[in-house]
Amino acid sequence: MSKVKFEAGAVRWFGRPLDRLRPVERRILEQAHARQPIAADSNAAFEAQLSLGDRLSDKIAIIGGSWGFILAFLAFLVVWAVANTLLLTTNPFDPYPFIFLNLILSMLAAIQAPIIMMSQNRAAARDRLDAGHDYQVNLKAEIEILALHEKVDALRSAELAALAATLAAISERLERMERGLS
């Protein structure tokens, strides 16, 4: 990676001074130059900062968004409707149109919606963290590819110089042979 020059505080990358790079680019460039890995477990870092409430709301969102919850709640609604319509014909607890059941459903939705939204906000934050990590890995890959291009170009230049020297030597021998024949 000869295009990166670390000299007495004046770092340049493809002619650009280091102070014109963004901090993340500078850090990635320095890690690439030092041959340090960029890969990190962003999920572990994200999980470590979650509070008890964050983990609880994630679990509630997982349960509330599952087919098991939907089917169990559907069964509860059917049992409620059958119990209050057929079984309790003399004195139903919540007669049709099930006003108390509607109240319970409204309260459940009022509690469940913000919990799910909190979980979605954390998922979006995790996605942003992953996107930032992907950017860093892609940037390092780009730096490594540029370095490989430079190495291939240097090898090609060396081969061309060796080939030119060989051709010059052959040409000189041929000229000597022609002079010797004439």
C-alpha atoms as a PDB file:
ATOM      1  CA  MET A   1       0.000   0.000   0.000  1.00  0.00           C
ATOM      2  CA  SER A   2       2.609   2.502  -1.056  1.00  0.00           C
ATOM      3  CA  LYS A   3       0.046   5.207  -1.815  1.00  0.00           C
ATOM      4  CA  VAL A   4      -0.424   5.548   1.942  1.00  0.00           C
ATOM      5  CA  LYS A   5       2.470   7.443   3.483  1.00  0.00           C
ATOM      6  CA  PHE A   6       2.760   7.732   7.248  1.00  0.00           C
ATOM      7  CA  GLU A   7       5.419  10.405   7.752  1.00  0.00           C
ATOM      8  CA  ALA A   8       5.911  12.573  10.815  1.00  0.00           C
ATOM      9  CA  GLY A   9       2.237  13.456  11.211  1.00  0.00           C
ATOM     10  CA  ALA A  10       1.641  14.130   7.498  1.00  0.00           C
ATOM     11  CA  VAL A  11      -0.441  11.231   6.274  1.00  0.00           C
ATOM     12  CA  ARG A  12      -1.553  11.228   2.635  1.00  0.00           C
ATOM     13  CA  TRP A  13      -3.770   8.849   0.741  1.00  0.00           C
ATOM     14  CA  PHE A  14      -3.688   9.108  -3.033  1.00  0.00           C
ATOM     15  CA  GLY A  15      -2.426  12.656  -2.702  1.00  0.00           C
ATOM     16  CA  ARG A  16      -5.143  13.726  -0.243  1.00  0.00           C
ATOM     17  CA  PRO A  17      -4.047  14.824   3.215  1.00  0.00           C
ATOM     18  CA  LEU A  18      -5.393  12.727   6.064  1.00  0.00           C
ATOM     19  CA  ASP A  19      -7.118  15.710   7.668  1.00  0.00           C
ATOM     20  CA  ARG A  20      -9.453  15.899   4.651  1.00  0.00           C
ATOM     21  CA  LEU A  21     -10.707  12.361   5.284  1.00  0.00           C
ATOM     22  CA  ARG A  22     -13.647  11.679   7.539  1.00  0.00           C
ATOM     23  CA  PRO A  23     -12.731  10.126  10.905  1.00  0.00           C
ATOM     24  CA  VAL A  24     -14.178   6.735   9.970  1.00  0.00           C
ATOM     25  CA  GLU A  25     -12.209   6.734   6.699  1.00  0.00           C
ATOM     26  CA  ARG A  26      -9.029   7.694   8.534  1.00  0.00           C
ATOM     27  CA  ARG A  27      -9.529   4.928  11.103  1.00  0.00           C
ATOM     28  CA  ILE A  28     -10.254   2.319   8.424  1.00  0.00           C
ATOM     29  CA  LEU A  29      -7.235   3.426   6.399  1.00  0.00           C
ATOM     30  CA  GLU A  30      -4.980   3.164   9.434  1.00  0.00           C
ATOM     31  CA  GLN A  31      -6.399  -0.274  10.298  1.00  0.00           C
ATOM     32  CA  ALA A  32      -5.909  -1.445   6.722  1.00  0.00           C
ATOM     33  CA  HIS A  33      -2.334  -0.164   6.735  1.00  0.00           C
ATOM     34  CA  ALA A  34      -1.664  -1.948  10.034  1.00  0.00           C
ATOM     35  CA  ARG A  35      -3.354  -5.098   8.636  1.00  0.00           C
ATOM     36  CA  GLN A  36      -5.900  -5.110  11.456  1.00  0.00           C
ATOM     37  CA  PRO A  37      -9.324  -6.695  10.925  1.00  0.00           C
ATOM     38  CA  ILE A  38     -12.408  -4.514  10.684  1.00  0.00           C
ATOM     39  CA  ALA A  39     -14.964  -7.236  11.342  1.00  0.00           C
ATOM     40  CA  ALA A  40     -16.699  -6.999  14.698  1.00  0.00           C
ATOM     41  CA  ASP A  41     -19.830  -8.508  16.172  1.00  0.00           C
ATOM     42  CA  SER A  42     -22.196  -5.544  16.063  1.00  0.00           C
ATOM     43  CA  ASN A  43     -25.026  -7.658  17.483  1.00  0.00           C
ATOM     44  CA  ALA A  44     -23.067  -8.361  20.677  1.00  0.00           C
ATOM     45  CA  ALA A  45     -22.255  -4.662  21.092  1.00  0.00           C
ATOM     46  CA  PHE A  46     -25.888  -3.729  20.523  1.00  0.00           C
ATOM     47  CA  GLU A  47     -27.224  -6.412  22.892  1.00  0.00           C
ATOM     48  CA  ALA A  48     -24.831  -5.288  25.633  1.00  0.00           C
ATOM     49  CA  GLN A  49     -26.394  -1.813  25.766  1.00  0.00           C
ATOM     50  CA  LEU A  50     -30.022  -2.998  25.998  1.00  0.00           C
ATOM     51  CA  SER A  51     -31.851  -2.355  29.263  1.00  0.00           C
ATOM     52  CA  LEU A  52     -34.239  -4.770  30.936  1.00  0.00           C
ATOM     53  CA  GLY A  53     -37.194  -2.825  29.497  1.00  0.00           C
ATOM     54  CA  ASP A  54     -35.689  -3.019  26.006  1.00  0.00           C
ATOM     55  CA  ARG A  55     -35.264  -6.788  26.223  1.00  0.00           C
ATOM     56  CA  LEU A  56     -38.766  -7.189  27.670  1.00  0.00           C
ATOM     57  CA  SER A  57     -40.395  -5.125  24.923  1.00  0.00           C
ATOM     58  CA  ASP A  58     -38.497  -7.133  22.295  1.00  0.00           C
ATOM     59  CA  LYS A  59     -39.822 -10.385  23.786  1.00  0.00           C
ATOM     60  CA  ILE A  60     -43.375  -8.978  23.912  1.00  0.00           C
ATOM     61  CA  ALA A  61     -43.070  -7.874  20.268  1.00  0.00           C
ATOM     62  CA  ILE A  62     -41.822 -11.335  19.289  1.00  0.00           C
ATOM     63  CA  ILE A  63     -44.746 -13.006  21.052  1.00  0.00           C
ATOM     64  CA  GLY A  64     -47.340 -10.421  19.923  1.00  0.00           C
ATOM     65  CA  GLY A  65     -46.273 -10.761  16.299  1.00  0.00           C
ATOM     66  CA  SER A  66     -46.386 -14.547  16.149  1.00  0.00           C
ATOM     67  CA  TRP A  67     -48.976 -16.880  14.661  1.00  0.00           C
ATOM     68  CA  GLY A  68     -49.242 -18.626  18.027  1.00  0.00           C
ATOM     69  CA  PHE A  69     -50.416 -15.396  19.659  1.00  0.00           C
ATOM     70  CA  ILE A  70     -52.860 -14.662  16.845  1.00  0.00           C
ATOM     71  CA  LEU A  71     -54.378 -18.147  16.970  1.00  0.00           C
ATOM     72  CA  ALA A  72     -54.553 -18.171  20.781  1.00  0.00           C
ATOM     73  CA  PHE A  73     -56.221 -14.764  20.795  1.00  0.00           C
ATOM     74  CA  LEU A  74     -58.656 -15.878  18.102  1.00  0.00           C
ATOM     75  CA  ALA A  75     -59.548 -18.891  20.255  1.00  0.00           C
ATOM     76  CA  PHE A  76     -60.047 -16.562  23.252  1.00  0.00           C
ATOM     77  CA  LEU A  77     -62.393 -14.349  21.195  1.00  0.00           C
ATOM     78  CA  VAL A  78     -64.431 -17.364  20.032  1.00  0.00           C
ATOM     79  CA  VAL A  79     -64.713 -18.717  23.583  1.00  0.00           C
ATOM     80  CA  TRP A  80     -65.759 -15.263  24.844  1.00  0.00           C
ATOM     81  CA  ALA A  81     -68.423 -14.891  22.144  1.00  0.00           C
ATOM     82  CA  VAL A  82     -69.781 -18.443  22.589  1.00  0.00           C
ATOM     83  CA  ALA A  83     -69.813 -18.172  26.393  1.00  0.00           C
ATOM     84  CA  ASN A  84     -71.654 -14.856  26.370  1.00  0.00           C
ATOM     85  CA  THR A  85     -74.089 -15.799  23.593  1.00  0.00           C
ATOM     86  CA  LEU A  86     -75.042 -19.447  24.094  1.00  0.00           C
ATOM     87  CA  LEU A  87     -73.900 -20.608  27.516  1.00  0.00           C
ATOM     88  CA  LEU A  88     -74.866 -17.589  29.524  1.00  0.00           C
ATOM     89  CA  THR A  89     -78.281 -16.991  27.897  1.00  0.00           C
ATOM     90  CA  THR A  90     -79.949 -16.234  31.188  1.00  0.00           C
ATOM     91  CA  ASN A  91     -77.443 -13.706  32.538  1.00  0.00           C
ATOM     92  CA  PRO A  92     -74.488 -13.126  30.158  1.00  0.00           C
ATOM     93  CA  PHE A  93     -71.389 -11.401  31.556  1.00  0.00           C
ATOM     94  CA  ASP A  94     -70.901  -9.306  28.386  1.00  0.00           C
ATOM     95  CA  PRO A  95     -73.957  -9.520  26.124  1.00  0.00           C
ATOM     96  CA  TYR A  96     -73.833  -8.909  22.376  1.00  0.00           C
ATOM     97  CA  PRO A  97     -72.321  -6.547  20.954  1.00  0.00           C
ATOM     98  CA  PHE A  98     -69.589  -7.387  23.542  1.00  0.00           C
ATOM     99  CA  ILE A  99     -68.802  -3.860  24.722  1.00  0.00           C
ATOM    100  CA  PHE A 100     -66.522  -5.039  27.545  1.00  0.00           C
ATOM    101  CA  LEU A 101     -64.587  -7.237  25.089  1.00  0.00           C
ATOM    102  CA  ASN A 102     -64.135  -4.198  22.817  1.00  0.00           C
ATOM    103  CA  LEU A 103     -62.797  -2.251  25.797  1.00  0.00           C
ATOM    104  CA  ILE A 104     -60.289  -5.023  26.589  1.00  0.00           C
ATOM    105  CA  LEU A 105     -59.194  -5.201  22.935  1.00  0.00           C
ATOM    106  CA  SER A 106     -58.748  -1.419  22.787  1.00  0.00           C
ATOM    107  CA  MET A 107     -56.637  -1.416  25.951  1.00  0.00           C
ATOM    108  CA  LEU A 108     -54.538  -4.299  24.648  1.00  0.00           C
ATOM    109  CA  ALA A 109     -53.940  -2.450  21.370  1.00  0.00           C
ATOM    110  CA  ALA A 110     -53.121   0.769  23.232  1.00  0.00           C
ATOM    111  CA  ILE A 111     -50.458  -1.035  25.270  1.00  0.00           C
ATOM    112  CA  GLN A 112     -49.149  -3.395  22.600  1.00  0.00           C
ATOM    113  CA  ALA A 113     -48.676  -0.818  19.797  1.00  0.00           C
ATOM    114  CA  PRO A 114     -46.115   1.389  21.599  1.00  0.00           C
ATOM    115  CA  ILE A 115     -44.214  -1.682  22.808  1.00  0.00           C
ATOM    116  CA  ILE A 116     -43.968  -2.993  19.248  1.00  0.00           C
ATOM    117  CA  MET A 117     -42.939   0.467  18.020  1.00  0.00           C
ATOM    118  CA  MET A 118     -40.148   0.592  20.626  1.00  0.00           C
ATOM    119  CA  SER A 119     -38.937  -2.779  19.396  1.00  0.00           C
ATOM    120  CA  GLN A 120     -39.063  -1.585  15.777  1.00  0.00           C
ATOM    121  CA  ASN A 121     -37.074   1.538  16.703  1.00  0.00           C
ATOM    122  CA  ARG A 122     -34.381  -0.672  18.224  1.00  0.00           C
ATOM    123  CA  ALA A 123     -34.408  -2.859  15.116  1.00  0.00           C
ATOM    124  CA  ALA A 124     -33.910   0.276  13.001  1.00  0.00           C
ATOM    125  CA  ALA A 125     -31.039   1.368  15.267  1.00  0.00           C
ATOM    126  CA  ARG A 126     -29.472  -2.077  14.895  1.00  0.00           C
ATOM    127  CA  ASP A 127     -29.872  -1.814  11.110  1.00  0.00           C
ATOM    128  CA  ARG A 128     -28.128   1.581  11.152  1.00  0.00           C
ATOM    129  CA  LEU A 129     -25.298   0.069  13.209  1.00  0.00           C
ATOM    130  CA  ASP A 130     -25.011  -2.818  10.740  1.00  0.00           C
ATOM    131  CA  ALA A 131     -25.061  -0.406   7.785  1.00  0.00           C
ATOM    132  CA  GLY A 132     -22.234   1.609   9.354  1.00  0.00           C
ATOM    133  CA  HIS A 133     -20.254  -1.570   9.920  1.00  0.00           C
ATOM    134  CA  ASP A 134     -20.907  -2.677   6.326  1.00  0.00           C
ATOM    135  CA  TYR A 135     -19.648   0.706   5.120  1.00  0.00           C
ATOM    136  CA  GLN A 136     -16.431   0.263   7.086  1.00  0.00           C
ATOM    137  CA  VAL A 137     -15.882  -3.247   5.734  1.00  0.00           C
ATOM    138  CA  ASN A 138     -16.607  -2.089   2.173  1.00  0.00           C
ATOM    139  CA  LEU A 139     -14.244   0.847   2.581  1.00  0.00           C
ATOM    140  CA  LYS A 140     -11.463  -1.442   3.788  1.00  0.00           C
ATOM    141  CA  ALA A 141     -12.157  -3.838   0.914  1.00  0.00           C
ATOM    142  CA  GLU A 142     -11.893  -0.920  -1.510  1.00  0.00           C
ATOM    143  CA  ILE A 143      -8.580   0.134   0.040  1.00  0.00           C
ATOM    144  CA  GLU A 144      -7.264  -3.424  -0.192  1.00  0.00           C
ATOM    145  CA  ILE A 145      -8.390  -3.708  -3.825  1.00  0.00           C
ATOM    146  CA  LEU A 146      -6.641  -0.438  -4.656  1.00  0.00           C
ATOM    147  CA  ALA A 147      -3.495  -1.754  -2.978  1.00  0.00           C
ATOM    148  CA  LEU A 148      -3.729  -4.985  -4.980  1.00  0.00           C
ATOM    149  CA  HIS A 149      -4.148  -2.991  -8.193  1.00  0.00           C
ATOM    150  CA  GLU A 150      -1.055  -1.037  -7.288  1.00  0.00           C
ATOM    151  CA  LYS A 151       0.912  -4.230  -6.634  1.00  0.00           C
ATOM    152  CA  VAL A 152      -0.209  -5.755  -9.934  1.00  0.00           C
ATOM    153  CA  ASP A 153       0.722  -2.547 -11.756  1.00  0.00           C
ATOM    154  CA  ALA A 154       4.152  -2.607 -10.095  1.00  0.00           C
ATOM    155  CA  LEU A 155       4.653  -6.251 -11.096  1.00  0.00           C
ATOM    156  CA  ARG A 156       3.567  -5.486 -14.646  1.00  0.00           C
ATOM    157  CA  SER A 157       5.940  -2.503 -14.807  1.00  0.00           C
ATOM    158  CA  ALA A 158       8.797  -4.681 -13.530  1.00  0.00           C
ATOM    159  CA  GLU A 159       7.994  -7.370 -16.101  1.00  0.00           C
ATOM    160  CA  LEU A 160       7.816  -4.800 -18.894  1.00  0.00           C
ATOM    161  CA  ALA A 161      11.160  -3.323 -17.827  1.00  0.00           C
ATOM    162  CA  ALA A 162      12.717  -6.799 -17.763  1.00  0.00           C
ATOM    163  CA  LEU A 163      11.204  -7.581 -21.163  1.00  0.00           C
ATOM    164  CA  ALA A 164      12.492  -4.267 -22.587  1.00  0.00           C
ATOM    165  CA  ALA A 165      15.967  -5.035 -21.225  1.00  0.00           C
ATOM    166  CA  THR A 166      15.858  -8.532 -22.745  1.00  0.00           C
ATOM    167  CA  LEU A 167      14.719  -7.144 -26.087  1.00  0.00           C
ATOM    168  CA  ALA A 168      17.474  -4.528 -25.986  1.00  0.00           C
ATOM    169  CA  ALA A 169      20.053  -7.247 -25.272  1.00  0.00           C
ATOM    170  CA  ILE A 170      18.721  -9.397 -28.109  1.00  0.00           C
ATOM    171  CA  SER A 171      18.692  -6.409 -30.445  1.00  0.00           C
ATOM    172  CA  GLU A 172      22.291  -5.585 -29.503  1.00  0.00           C
ATOM    173  CA  ARG A 173      23.390  -9.183 -30.159  1.00  0.00           C
ATOM    174  CA  LEU A 174      21.655  -9.176 -33.514  1.00  0.00           C
ATOM    175  CA  GLU A 175      23.379  -5.927 -34.478  1.00  0.00           C
ATOM    176  CA  ARG A 176      26.754  -7.422 -33.482  1.00  0.00           C
ATOM    177  CA  MET A 177      26.012 -10.523 -35.500  1.00  0.00           C
ATOM    178  CA  GLU A 178      25.085  -8.411 -38.529  1.00  0.00           C
ATOM    179  CA  ARG A 179      28.268  -6.372 -38.180  1.00  0.00           C
ATOM    180  CA  GLY A 180      30.277  -9.576 -37.904  1.00  0.00           C
ATOM    181  CA  LEU A 181      28.721 -10.964 -41.077  1.00  0.00           C
ATOM    182  CA  SER A 182      29.311  -7.848 -43.093  1.00  0.00           C
END
